[in-house]
Amino acid sequence: MAGFIPEKVPGSHSAVIIAAPRAPLEILTRDTEAPGAGEVLIRVEWTSSTPLDLHQADGGLLIKPPYVMGTSFGGTVMALGPIDPANPDSHNPKLQVGDTVFGFAFRSAREKGHQTYLTTSTFLCSRLPPNLTLEDAVAVPVNLVTAFHTITADLELPLPWPVQELSKESRNAPILIWGTASSVGDYALQVLHHWGYENLLAVASERHHARLKALGAKATFDYNDSNVAEKILSYAGTISDTEPRIPYILDCIGSLEGTLRPLTKIAEPGANVAVMLPVINVHASSNTPPEYEMDVSQSLVGEWREGVKLRGTRTHFYLRNELFKTQLQSEIVPTLLEKGIIQPNKIRIVEGNTLLERAENALSLLRDQAPSGEKLVWRVADEDE
């Protein structure tokens, strides 16, 4: 059951694509698709860039070119799909034509964010809260959803909605977040703190420590310290024969040498270790192709203690959680933002004269590892389009 495309919406539009790994990005003209039941057509005005963009563009990670880029979007609702008489709940009554929305979508080319129009499911959309600009909001959904999914699916920690009081044992369990100044780490810290987890240990560059403590970190550690692993374990307490000193570890970076190797010294038998995928064996540069590993069990084989539970985080599986599928982006995310519970990442606006130039400039910044404690955000559709 398909809807229609309004007269003011063009029948085709521009999309940024990966034509081949490490090749210049290109613009592809795609047909604009009418929304079906439970769907929405959006004019995309802003998007954000993530490390996944670099992994796909330079490493061809899990893609088949030509590949439409982008997992985040912010823009205006242009049309809603029809109500299905057999499933009237498929229409989200919270969304109306003209609403400003943002979200995280990834399942097919029609809903990717680096194009001027997209068509996606209404449950993947959040209405813009009145206290945020669209530029700020578009930096949120990918990494905040990743934080929710990683905490619940990989660390197996509960995040009930509405929020409920935790047991004393759960509140006090040490949780180590390595790369807390990253976008995922920043949101994971905020989410865990709001849900009542109190023993949060943050690893980041010292210049970010004051902010992380303000967001709920009980203790902070500098990864540049050569003795950081020993200091973390010393802080966590005495060695136990039965329980790991730090039962939950979240690696928000996934760097073979930068994060996984020091974590082999920290993770004790019984610890749950969640690692952002892919594991980066060699980072992309202008002269060097990247090297990745998607199976975290194949990273540093023999260096992890027996009994450590390693898991690689795959955010795109979050829709398997029925609560998150129906409510995470449509209700939970905008509520947390409107109430000021979650503070958006600091953003850096990426400039450029054209859609393609802005996309390339953002990719170059990721390749140079330029962002630190900030999210790259850039305009998709120009104001006169």
Protein backbone atom coordinates (compact mmCIF):
# COMPACT_ATOMS: atom_id res chain seq x y z
CA MET A 1 0.00 0.00 0.00
CA ALA A 2 1.89 3.04 -1.29
CA GLY A 3 1.26 6.70 -0.67
CA PHE A 4 2.09 9.58 -2.95
CA ILE A 5 4.80 12.14 -3.59
CA PRO A 6 3.62 15.76 -3.17
CA GLU A 7 3.91 18.01 -6.22
CA LYS A 8 6.54 20.18 -4.53
CA VAL A 9 8.83 17.16 -4.08
CA PRO A 10 11.03 16.29 -7.09
CA GLY A 11 10.68 12.85 -8.62
CA SER A 12 14.44 12.30 -8.32
CA HIS A 13 17.19 13.54 -6.05
CA SER A 14 20.94 13.47 -5.35
CA ALA A 15 22.67 10.86 -3.20
CA VAL A 16 26.30 10.47 -2.14
CA ILE A 17 27.64 7.05 -3.06
CA ILE A 18 30.75 4.93 -2.69
CA ALA A 19 31.66 3.84 -6.22
CA ALA A 20 34.63 1.72 -5.13
CA PRO A 21 36.82 1.44 -1.99
CA ARG A 22 39.24 4.39 -1.67
CA ALA A 23 37.84 5.97 -4.85
CA PRO A 24 36.47 9.54 -4.77
CA LEU A 25 32.87 9.73 -3.66
CA GLU A 26 30.28 10.35 -6.36
CA ILE A 27 26.77 11.75 -6.75
CA LEU A 28 24.05 9.42 -8.02
CA THR A 29 20.57 10.54 -9.09
CA ARG A 30 17.95 8.33 -7.42
CA ASP A 31 14.18 8.12 -7.75
CA THR A 32 12.31 9.64 -4.82
CA GLU A 33 10.10 6.94 -3.31
CA ALA A 34 6.56 7.44 -2.01
CA PRO A 35 6.03 6.29 1.58
CA GLY A 36 4.05 3.12 2.22
CA ALA A 37 1.96 2.30 5.27
CA GLY A 38 3.87 3.17 8.43
CA GLU A 39 6.44 5.16 6.45
CA VAL A 40 7.44 8.78 6.00
CA LEU A 41 9.09 10.80 3.22
CA ILE A 42 11.68 13.27 4.53
CA ARG A 43 13.61 16.11 2.93
CA VAL A 44 17.06 15.69 4.45
CA GLU A 45 18.66 18.94 5.54
CA TRP A 46 21.42 17.74 7.89
CA THR A 47 23.41 14.58 8.50
CA SER A 48 26.39 13.48 10.58
CA SER A 49 29.43 11.38 9.77
CA THR A 50 30.61 8.34 11.71
CA PRO A 51 33.68 6.10 11.63
CA LEU A 52 31.52 3.56 9.76
CA ASP A 53 31.48 5.96 6.80
CA LEU A 54 35.27 5.75 6.68
CA HIS A 55 35.31 1.97 7.13
CA GLN A 56 32.94 1.61 4.19
CA ALA A 57 34.51 4.23 1.91
CA ASP A 58 38.14 3.26 2.45
CA GLY A 59 37.81 -0.39 3.42
CA GLY A 60 34.67 -1.47 1.59
CA LEU A 61 33.43 -2.90 4.88
CA LEU A 62 30.32 -5.04 4.41
CA ILE A 63 29.12 -3.15 1.33
CA LYS A 64 28.62 -3.74 -2.37
CA PRO A 65 29.22 -0.60 -4.49
CA PRO A 66 27.61 1.52 -5.71
CA TYR A 67 26.54 2.16 -2.14
CA VAL A 68 24.44 5.04 -0.80
CA MET A 69 26.04 6.48 2.33
CA GLY A 70 24.76 7.83 5.64
CA THR A 71 22.94 6.47 8.67
CA SER A 72 21.76 9.69 10.32
CA PHE A 73 19.30 12.25 9.04
CA GLY A 74 17.58 15.44 10.11
CA GLY A 75 14.93 17.15 8.06
CA THR A 76 11.28 17.87 7.31
CA VAL A 77 8.38 15.45 6.90
CA MET A 78 7.03 15.91 3.36
CA ALA A 79 4.49 13.06 3.25
CA LEU A 80 3.14 10.24 5.38
CA GLY A 81 2.14 6.84 4.07
CA PRO A 82 -1.51 5.75 4.12
CA ILE A 83 -3.16 4.08 7.07
CA ASP A 84 -3.45 0.34 6.55
CA PRO A 85 -7.01 -0.70 7.55
CA ALA A 86 -5.67 -4.08 8.60
CA ASN A 87 -3.01 -2.46 10.78
CA PRO A 88 -4.09 1.03 11.86
CA ASP A 89 -1.26 1.26 14.39
CA SER A 90 1.25 1.31 11.53
CA HIS A 91 0.68 5.07 11.29
CA ASN A 92 2.46 7.09 13.96
CA PRO A 93 -0.03 9.78 14.99
CA LYS A 94 2.82 11.78 16.56
CA LEU A 95 4.18 12.66 13.12
CA GLN A 96 2.55 15.18 10.79
CA VAL A 97 3.53 16.72 7.48
CA GLY A 98 5.80 19.68 8.19
CA ASP A 99 7.30 18.20 11.37
CA THR A 100 11.05 18.49 11.89
CA VAL A 101 12.52 15.07 12.63
CA PHE A 102 15.82 13.29 13.02
CA GLY A 103 16.84 9.67 13.22
CA PHE A 104 19.07 6.66 12.57
CA ALA A 105 18.21 4.46 9.57
CA PHE A 106 20.37 1.91 7.80
CA ARG A 107 18.45 -0.99 6.24
CA SER A 108 18.41 -0.01 2.55
CA ALA A 109 19.43 2.72 0.11
CA ARG A 110 15.99 4.37 0.22
CA GLU A 111 16.48 5.43 3.86
CA LYS A 112 20.13 6.47 3.89
CA GLY A 113 20.97 9.94 5.20
CA HIS A 114 23.48 11.26 2.67
CA GLN A 115 20.78 12.02 0.10
CA THR A 116 18.36 14.91 -0.23
CA TYR A 117 15.20 12.79 0.18
CA LEU A 118 14.69 9.53 2.02
CA THR A 119 11.82 7.19 2.79
CA THR A 120 11.82 5.23 6.03
CA SER A 121 9.66 3.79 8.83
CA THR A 122 8.06 6.21 11.27
CA PHE A 123 9.47 4.26 14.24
CA LEU A 124 12.97 5.29 13.13
CA CYS A 125 12.10 8.98 13.52
CA SER A 126 12.26 11.33 16.50
CA ARG A 127 10.43 14.66 16.56
CA LEU A 128 12.80 17.55 17.19
CA PRO A 129 12.48 18.78 20.80
CA PRO A 130 11.96 22.54 21.15
CA ASN A 131 15.21 22.95 23.11
CA LEU A 132 17.51 21.70 20.29
CA THR A 133 18.56 22.79 16.84
CA LEU A 134 18.43 20.21 14.08
CA GLU A 135 22.21 20.44 13.72
CA ASP A 136 22.65 19.40 17.36
CA ALA A 137 19.99 16.69 17.20
CA VAL A 138 21.31 14.96 14.08
CA ALA A 139 24.54 14.21 15.95
CA VAL A 140 22.67 12.10 18.50
CA PRO A 141 20.74 9.06 17.20
CA VAL A 142 23.41 6.77 15.72
CA ASN A 143 25.65 6.80 18.77
CA LEU A 144 22.92 7.01 21.40
CA VAL A 145 21.14 4.00 19.88
CA THR A 146 24.51 2.21 19.78
CA ALA A 147 25.01 2.93 23.48
CA PHE A 148 21.57 1.51 24.37
CA HIS A 149 22.11 -1.60 22.24
CA THR A 150 25.61 -2.29 23.52
CA ILE A 151 24.68 -1.90 27.17
CA THR A 152 21.67 -4.21 26.92
CA ALA A 153 22.61 -6.77 24.25
CA ASP A 154 26.36 -7.12 24.78
CA LEU A 155 26.94 -6.20 28.44
CA GLU A 156 23.48 -7.60 29.36
CA LEU A 157 22.70 -4.74 31.71
CA PRO A 158 19.02 -3.75 32.06
CA LEU A 159 17.74 -0.37 30.89
CA PRO A 160 13.99 -0.59 31.60
CA TRP A 161 11.62 2.05 30.28
CA PRO A 162 10.26 3.85 32.21
CA VAL A 163 13.40 3.98 34.37
CA GLN A 164 13.21 1.84 37.50
CA GLU A 165 15.37 1.80 40.61
CA LEU A 166 18.25 -0.67 40.45
CA SER A 167 19.31 -3.09 43.16
CA LYS A 168 22.27 -2.01 45.29
CA GLU A 169 24.39 -4.76 43.71
CA SER A 170 23.65 -3.50 40.20
CA ARG A 171 24.23 0.14 41.13
CA ASN A 172 27.66 -0.61 42.60
CA ALA A 173 29.01 -2.96 39.90
CA PRO A 174 32.10 -1.37 38.29
CA ILE A 175 31.63 -0.53 34.61
CA LEU A 176 34.69 0.56 32.63
CA ILE A 177 34.14 2.69 29.52
CA TRP A 178 37.30 2.98 27.40
CA GLY A 179 37.04 5.86 24.96
CA THR A 180 34.47 7.74 27.04
CA ALA A 181 35.07 10.99 25.14
CA SER A 182 33.99 9.31 21.91
CA SER A 183 30.41 9.80 20.83
CA VAL A 184 29.32 6.31 21.91
CA GLY A 185 31.27 6.52 25.16
CA ASP A 186 29.84 9.92 26.03
CA TYR A 187 26.28 8.68 25.58
CA ALA A 188 26.93 5.35 27.31
CA LEU A 189 28.16 7.25 30.36
CA GLN A 190 25.09 9.49 30.39
CA VAL A 191 22.65 6.62 29.91
CA LEU A 192 24.19 4.44 32.61
CA HIS A 193 24.33 7.34 35.04
CA HIS A 194 20.68 8.25 34.47
CA TRP A 195 19.54 4.65 34.90
CA GLY A 196 21.26 4.55 38.29
CA TYR A 197 24.60 2.85 37.71
CA GLU A 198 27.01 4.61 40.05
CA ASN A 199 30.43 2.96 39.71
CA LEU A 200 31.34 4.27 36.25
CA LEU A 201 35.03 4.37 35.34
CA ALA A 202 35.94 6.55 32.36
CA VAL A 203 39.08 6.25 30.23
CA ALA A 204 39.83 9.24 28.01
CA SER A 205 42.37 11.96 27.39
CA GLU A 206 42.85 14.07 30.51
CA ARG A 207 41.46 17.18 28.82
CA HIS A 208 38.01 15.54 28.82
CA HIS A 209 38.01 14.42 32.47
CA ALA A 210 36.16 17.41 33.92
CA ARG A 211 33.25 16.98 31.52
CA LEU A 212 33.08 13.23 32.09
CA LYS A 213 32.95 13.66 35.86
CA ALA A 214 30.14 16.18 35.42
CA LEU A 215 28.25 13.60 33.37
CA GLY A 216 28.51 10.91 36.06
CA ALA A 217 31.96 9.29 35.97
CA LYS A 218 33.02 8.19 39.45
CA ALA A 219 36.68 8.03 38.43
CA THR A 220 38.64 9.00 35.32
CA PHE A 221 41.86 7.64 33.82
CA ASP A 222 44.11 8.91 31.03
CA TYR A 223 44.83 6.35 28.32
CA ASN A 224 48.10 8.20 27.59
CA ASP A 225 49.42 7.05 30.97
CA SER A 226 51.70 4.05 30.43
CA ASN A 227 50.48 2.59 33.73
CA VAL A 228 46.78 3.14 33.07
CA ALA A 229 45.84 -0.56 33.23
CA GLU A 230 47.55 -1.02 36.59
CA LYS A 231 45.94 2.15 37.98
CA ILE A 232 42.47 1.02 36.90
CA LEU A 233 42.85 -2.38 38.54
CA SER A 234 44.30 -0.83 41.68
CA TYR A 235 41.35 1.52 41.92
CA ALA A 236 38.90 -1.35 41.44
CA GLY A 237 40.11 -3.12 44.59
CA THR A 238 41.62 -6.38 45.69
CA ILE A 239 41.85 -9.47 43.52
CA SER A 240 39.10 -12.06 44.03
CA ASP A 241 39.35 -15.77 43.30
CA THR A 242 35.75 -15.87 42.09
CA GLU A 243 34.75 -12.48 40.64
CA PRO A 244 36.43 -10.05 38.22
CA ARG A 245 37.28 -6.70 39.76
CA ILE A 246 35.66 -5.01 36.75
CA PRO A 247 32.82 -7.22 35.49
CA TYR A 248 31.71 -4.91 32.65
CA ILE A 249 34.01 -3.33 30.07
CA LEU A 250 32.94 -1.29 27.06
CA ASP A 251 35.51 -0.55 24.35
CA CYS A 252 34.10 2.32 22.31
CA ILE A 253 37.05 2.50 19.90
CA GLY A 254 37.88 -1.05 18.79
CA SER A 255 41.57 -0.42 18.07
CA LEU A 256 43.75 -3.53 18.17
CA GLU A 257 46.76 -1.80 19.73
CA GLY A 258 45.13 1.29 21.21
CA THR A 259 42.35 -0.35 23.22
CA LEU A 260 42.14 -4.13 22.95
CA ARG A 261 45.73 -4.80 23.98
CA PRO A 262 45.56 -2.79 27.23
CA LEU A 263 42.17 -4.34 27.94
CA THR A 264 43.72 -7.82 27.88
CA LYS A 265 45.57 -6.72 31.03
CA ILE A 266 42.38 -5.48 32.71
CA ALA A 267 39.76 -8.09 31.80
CA GLU A 268 39.74 -10.92 34.35
CA PRO A 269 37.91 -14.29 34.11
CA GLY A 270 34.17 -13.70 34.10
CA ALA A 271 34.36 -10.15 32.74
CA ASN A 272 32.03 -9.10 29.93
CA VAL A 273 33.90 -7.13 27.26
CA ALA A 274 31.93 -5.41 24.48
CA VAL A 275 33.98 -4.08 21.57
CA MET A 276 32.83 -1.70 18.84
CA LEU A 277 33.18 -3.41 15.48
CA PRO A 278 35.10 -3.55 13.33
CA VAL A 279 38.33 -4.10 15.21
CA ILE A 280 40.74 -1.70 13.53
CA ASN A 281 44.04 -3.48 12.90
CA VAL A 282 45.36 -0.70 10.63
CA HIS A 283 43.67 2.72 10.48
CA ALA A 284 42.95 4.21 7.07
CA SER A 285 45.18 7.07 5.93
CA SER A 286 45.71 8.92 2.68
CA ASN A 287 48.50 6.47 1.82
CA THR A 288 47.45 3.29 3.63
CA PRO A 289 44.35 1.13 3.17
CA PRO A 290 42.68 0.03 6.39
CA GLU A 291 42.67 -3.49 7.78
CA TYR A 292 39.72 -4.75 9.83
CA GLU A 293 38.57 -7.78 11.77
CA MET A 294 34.86 -8.46 12.28
CA ASP A 295 35.32 -11.46 14.59
CA VAL A 296 36.61 -10.09 17.89
CA SER A 297 37.52 -13.62 19.05
CA GLN A 298 40.27 -13.59 16.40
CA SER A 299 41.90 -10.49 17.89
CA LEU A 300 44.90 -11.06 20.20
CA VAL A 301 44.24 -14.79 20.43
CA GLY A 302 46.00 -16.25 23.47
CA GLU A 303 46.36 -12.88 25.22
CA TRP A 304 42.92 -12.82 26.85
CA ARG A 305 42.49 -14.67 30.12
CA GLU A 306 40.41 -17.81 29.97
CA GLY A 307 36.83 -17.05 30.96
CA VAL A 308 36.71 -13.51 29.57
CA LYS A 309 33.52 -13.08 27.52
CA LEU A 310 34.28 -11.10 24.35
CA ARG A 311 31.49 -9.70 22.18
CA GLY A 312 31.55 -7.52 19.10
CA THR A 313 28.87 -4.86 18.98
CA ARG A 314 26.62 -4.81 15.89
CA THR A 315 24.28 -1.86 16.32
CA HIS A 316 22.19 -2.74 13.27
CA PHE A 317 20.76 -5.66 15.25
CA TYR A 318 19.07 -3.37 17.78
CA LEU A 319 15.68 -3.76 16.08
CA ARG A 320 15.54 -7.33 17.41
CA ASN A 321 14.66 -5.73 20.76
CA GLU A 322 10.92 -5.09 20.39
CA LEU A 323 10.87 -2.30 22.99
CA PHE A 324 13.73 -0.51 21.27
CA LYS A 325 12.25 -1.07 17.81
CA THR A 326 8.94 0.57 18.65
CA GLN A 327 9.96 3.15 21.27
CA LEU A 328 13.68 3.92 21.30
CA GLN A 329 13.72 6.52 18.52
CA SER A 330 10.05 7.45 18.50
CA GLU A 331 9.78 8.08 22.25
CA ILE A 332 12.82 7.40 24.45
CA VAL A 333 15.44 9.43 22.57
CA PRO A 334 13.38 12.64 22.11
CA THR A 335 12.12 12.44 25.71
CA LEU A 336 15.64 12.18 27.12
CA LEU A 337 16.78 15.11 24.97
CA GLU A 338 13.81 17.35 25.71
CA LYS A 339 14.20 16.84 29.46
CA GLY A 340 17.93 17.61 29.26
CA ILE A 341 18.84 14.16 30.60
CA ILE A 342 21.06 13.46 27.59
CA GLN A 343 23.37 16.25 26.46
CA PRO A 344 24.20 16.09 22.73
CA ASN A 345 27.80 15.77 21.64
CA LYS A 346 29.70 18.91 20.78
CA ILE A 347 29.44 19.35 17.01
CA ARG A 348 31.75 20.58 14.28
CA ILE A 349 30.01 21.92 11.17
CA VAL A 350 31.77 20.67 8.03
CA GLU A 351 31.63 23.24 5.25
CA GLY A 352 31.72 22.85 1.49
CA ASN A 353 30.21 24.44 -1.61
CA THR A 354 28.35 21.30 -2.74
CA LEU A 355 26.84 18.17 -1.26
CA LEU A 356 29.72 16.11 -2.64
CA GLU A 357 32.36 18.50 -1.32
CA ARG A 358 30.89 18.46 2.17
CA ALA A 359 30.76 14.66 2.17
CA GLU A 360 34.40 14.42 1.02
CA ASN A 361 35.55 17.00 3.58
CA ALA A 362 33.89 15.07 6.40
CA LEU A 363 35.50 11.84 5.21
CA SER A 364 38.93 13.48 5.12
CA LEU A 365 38.54 14.65 8.73
CA LEU A 366 37.70 11.10 9.81
CA ARG A 367 40.67 9.75 7.86
CA ASP A 368 42.96 12.24 9.63
CA GLN A 369 41.42 11.30 13.02
CA ALA A 370 40.75 15.00 13.52
CA PRO A 371 37.54 14.85 15.62
CA SER A 372 38.08 14.63 19.38
CA GLY A 373 35.14 14.90 21.72
CA GLU A 374 32.99 16.20 18.85
CA LYS A 375 30.71 15.02 16.06
CA LEU A 376 30.99 15.98 12.40
CA VAL A 377 27.74 17.48 11.08
CA TRP A 378 27.02 18.87 7.63
CA ARG A 379 24.23 20.13 5.42
CA VAL A 380 22.68 17.80 2.82
CA ALA A 381 19.95 19.66 0.90
CA ASP A 382 20.82 23.30 0.31
CA GLU A 383 18.22 25.79 1.46
CA ASP A 384 17.12 26.58 -2.10
CA GLU A 385 16.68 22.92 -3.12
